[in-house]
């Protein structure tokens, strides 16, 4: 949604509907940020592991939203807290605790027991996105 809003003219007939959904999503996500600045692999389950690819995407969305005037400054604080948490999950230049790609399952345990990968591109790319956005 962040990238779509970045590329959608504000005069587009669907812009405000997308913006309303984006704000609702950002306000919902911020509530589940953990004490270490990260979000859990199953967002509503504090017993699931702290997952870094979703955290990096949320940090990117928060930082970008603040930078572009879409989000209040409190989201900058959450982005900084998330970044701090992410930096503690980097080993030898690689992001750890990235959940592998997840298919659909009817079993809750399936989601809780997904393998954790170090250096996976779907975690490394969002890490770079959020670093770039935070530098702005």
Protein backbone atom coordinates (compact mmCIF):
# COMPACT_ATOMS: atom_id res chain seq x y z
CA UNK A 1 0.00 0.00 0.00
CA UNK A 2 2.88 2.35 0.81
CA UNK A 3 4.46 1.89 -2.60
CA UNK A 4 1.08 2.17 -4.36
CA UNK A 5 0.32 5.44 -2.57
CA UNK A 6 3.78 6.71 -3.53
CA UNK A 7 2.94 6.13 -7.18
CA UNK A 8 -0.75 7.01 -7.27
CA UNK A 9 -1.79 10.57 -8.06
CA UNK A 10 -3.71 12.09 -5.17
CA UNK A 11 -6.42 13.06 -7.70
CA UNK A 12 -7.05 9.43 -8.60
CA UNK A 13 -10.69 8.51 -7.85
CA UNK A 14 -9.59 5.59 -5.62
CA UNK A 15 -6.79 7.45 -3.80
CA UNK A 16 -8.82 8.42 -0.73
CA UNK A 17 -10.27 4.92 -0.31
CA UNK A 18 -6.76 3.46 -0.44
CA UNK A 19 -5.50 6.13 1.95
CA UNK A 20 -8.31 5.36 4.43
CA UNK A 21 -7.46 1.66 4.33
CA UNK A 22 -3.74 2.42 4.71
CA UNK A 23 -4.38 4.58 7.80
CA UNK A 24 -6.58 1.91 9.34
CA UNK A 25 -3.90 -0.72 8.69
CA UNK A 26 -1.04 1.41 10.07
CA UNK A 27 -3.05 2.27 13.20
CA UNK A 28 -3.84 -1.41 13.69
CA UNK A 29 -0.29 -2.68 13.16
CA UNK A 30 1.38 -0.23 15.53
CA UNK A 31 -0.58 -1.67 18.45
CA UNK A 32 1.22 -5.01 18.15
CA UNK A 33 4.81 -3.79 18.17
CA UNK A 34 6.70 -5.74 20.83
CA UNK A 35 8.92 -4.42 23.59
CA UNK A 36 12.01 -5.13 21.48
CA UNK A 37 10.60 -3.07 18.59
CA UNK A 38 9.74 -6.12 16.50
CA UNK A 39 6.50 -7.76 15.46
CA UNK A 40 5.82 -11.44 15.93
CA UNK A 41 5.59 -13.97 13.15
CA UNK A 42 1.93 -14.41 14.08
CA UNK A 43 1.18 -10.79 14.88
CA UNK A 44 -1.50 -11.47 17.48
CA UNK A 45 0.51 -14.19 19.23
CA UNK A 46 3.22 -12.85 21.54
CA UNK A 47 4.44 -16.43 22.01
CA UNK A 48 5.41 -16.70 18.34
CA UNK A 49 8.91 -15.61 17.40
CA UNK A 50 9.90 -12.03 16.58
CA UNK A 51 9.96 -12.01 12.79
CA UNK A 52 12.20 -9.57 10.95
CA UNK A 53 10.87 -9.36 7.38
CA UNK A 54 7.45 -8.12 8.50
CA UNK A 55 9.13 -5.77 10.97
CA UNK A 56 11.27 -4.31 8.20
CA UNK A 57 8.22 -3.81 5.97
CA UNK A 58 6.30 -2.12 8.79
CA UNK A 59 9.28 0.13 9.63
CA UNK A 60 9.52 1.08 5.95
CA UNK A 61 5.81 1.88 5.82
CA UNK A 62 5.90 3.91 9.02
CA UNK A 63 9.02 5.87 8.08
CA UNK A 64 7.76 6.51 4.55
CA UNK A 65 4.35 7.55 5.81
CA UNK A 66 5.90 10.07 8.19
CA UNK A 67 8.34 11.35 5.56
CA UNK A 68 5.53 11.92 3.08
CA UNK A 69 3.17 13.50 5.63
CA UNK A 70 0.68 10.63 5.65
CA UNK A 71 1.32 9.53 9.24
CA UNK A 72 1.69 11.30 12.56
CA UNK A 73 5.11 11.68 14.18
CA UNK A 74 4.37 8.89 16.69
CA UNK A 75 4.96 6.48 13.82
CA UNK A 76 8.52 7.80 13.50
CA UNK A 77 9.15 6.70 17.08
CA UNK A 78 7.78 3.25 16.28
CA UNK A 79 9.95 3.09 13.14
CA UNK A 80 13.08 3.99 15.12
CA UNK A 81 12.24 1.41 17.78
CA UNK A 82 11.70 -1.18 15.05
CA UNK A 83 15.00 -0.29 13.39
CA UNK A 84 16.80 -0.65 16.71
CA UNK A 85 15.26 -4.10 17.12
CA UNK A 86 16.22 -5.09 13.59
CA UNK A 87 19.86 -4.09 14.03
CA UNK A 88 20.08 -6.56 16.90
CA UNK A 89 19.01 -9.32 14.50
CA UNK A 90 21.87 -8.81 12.03
CA UNK A 91 24.73 -11.29 12.11
CA UNK A 92 27.69 -11.07 9.74
CA UNK A 93 25.73 -8.59 7.62
CA UNK A 94 22.72 -10.89 7.26
CA UNK A 95 19.28 -10.47 8.77
CA UNK A 96 18.27 -13.39 10.99
CA UNK A 97 14.82 -14.59 12.07
CA UNK A 98 13.20 -14.30 8.64
CA UNK A 99 10.26 -16.64 8.27
CA UNK A 100 10.43 -18.77 5.13
CA UNK A 101 7.67 -18.35 2.57
CA UNK A 102 4.37 -19.50 3.97
CA UNK A 103 1.60 -21.29 2.13
CA UNK A 104 -1.95 -21.54 3.43
CA UNK A 105 -2.73 -24.09 6.08
CA UNK A 106 -5.63 -24.97 8.32
CA UNK A 107 -3.24 -25.76 11.16
CA UNK A 108 -2.16 -23.03 13.57
CA UNK A 109 0.94 -25.06 14.48
CA UNK A 110 1.97 -24.91 10.83
CA UNK A 111 2.40 -21.13 11.15
CA UNK A 112 4.08 -21.27 14.53
CA UNK A 113 6.65 -23.79 13.34
CA UNK A 114 7.73 -22.19 10.07
CA UNK A 115 11.52 -22.37 9.58
CA UNK A 116 13.58 -19.26 10.32
CA UNK A 117 16.12 -18.25 7.72
CA UNK A 118 19.18 -16.02 7.88
CA UNK A 119 19.93 -13.78 4.91
CA UNK A 120 16.77 -14.54 2.94
CA UNK A 121 16.11 -11.92 0.27
CA UNK A 122 12.52 -11.32 1.33
CA UNK A 123 13.95 -10.07 4.62
CA UNK A 124 17.11 -8.42 3.34
CA UNK A 125 15.31 -6.27 0.72
CA UNK A 126 12.82 -4.72 3.19
CA UNK A 127 15.73 -4.13 5.58
CA UNK A 128 17.38 -2.02 2.88
CA UNK A 129 14.10 -0.25 2.08
CA UNK A 130 13.58 0.79 5.68
CA UNK A 131 17.23 1.84 6.10
CA UNK A 132 16.91 4.04 3.03
CA UNK A 133 13.63 5.57 4.22
CA UNK A 134 14.99 6.21 7.72
CA UNK A 135 17.99 8.05 6.26
CA UNK A 136 15.59 10.58 4.73
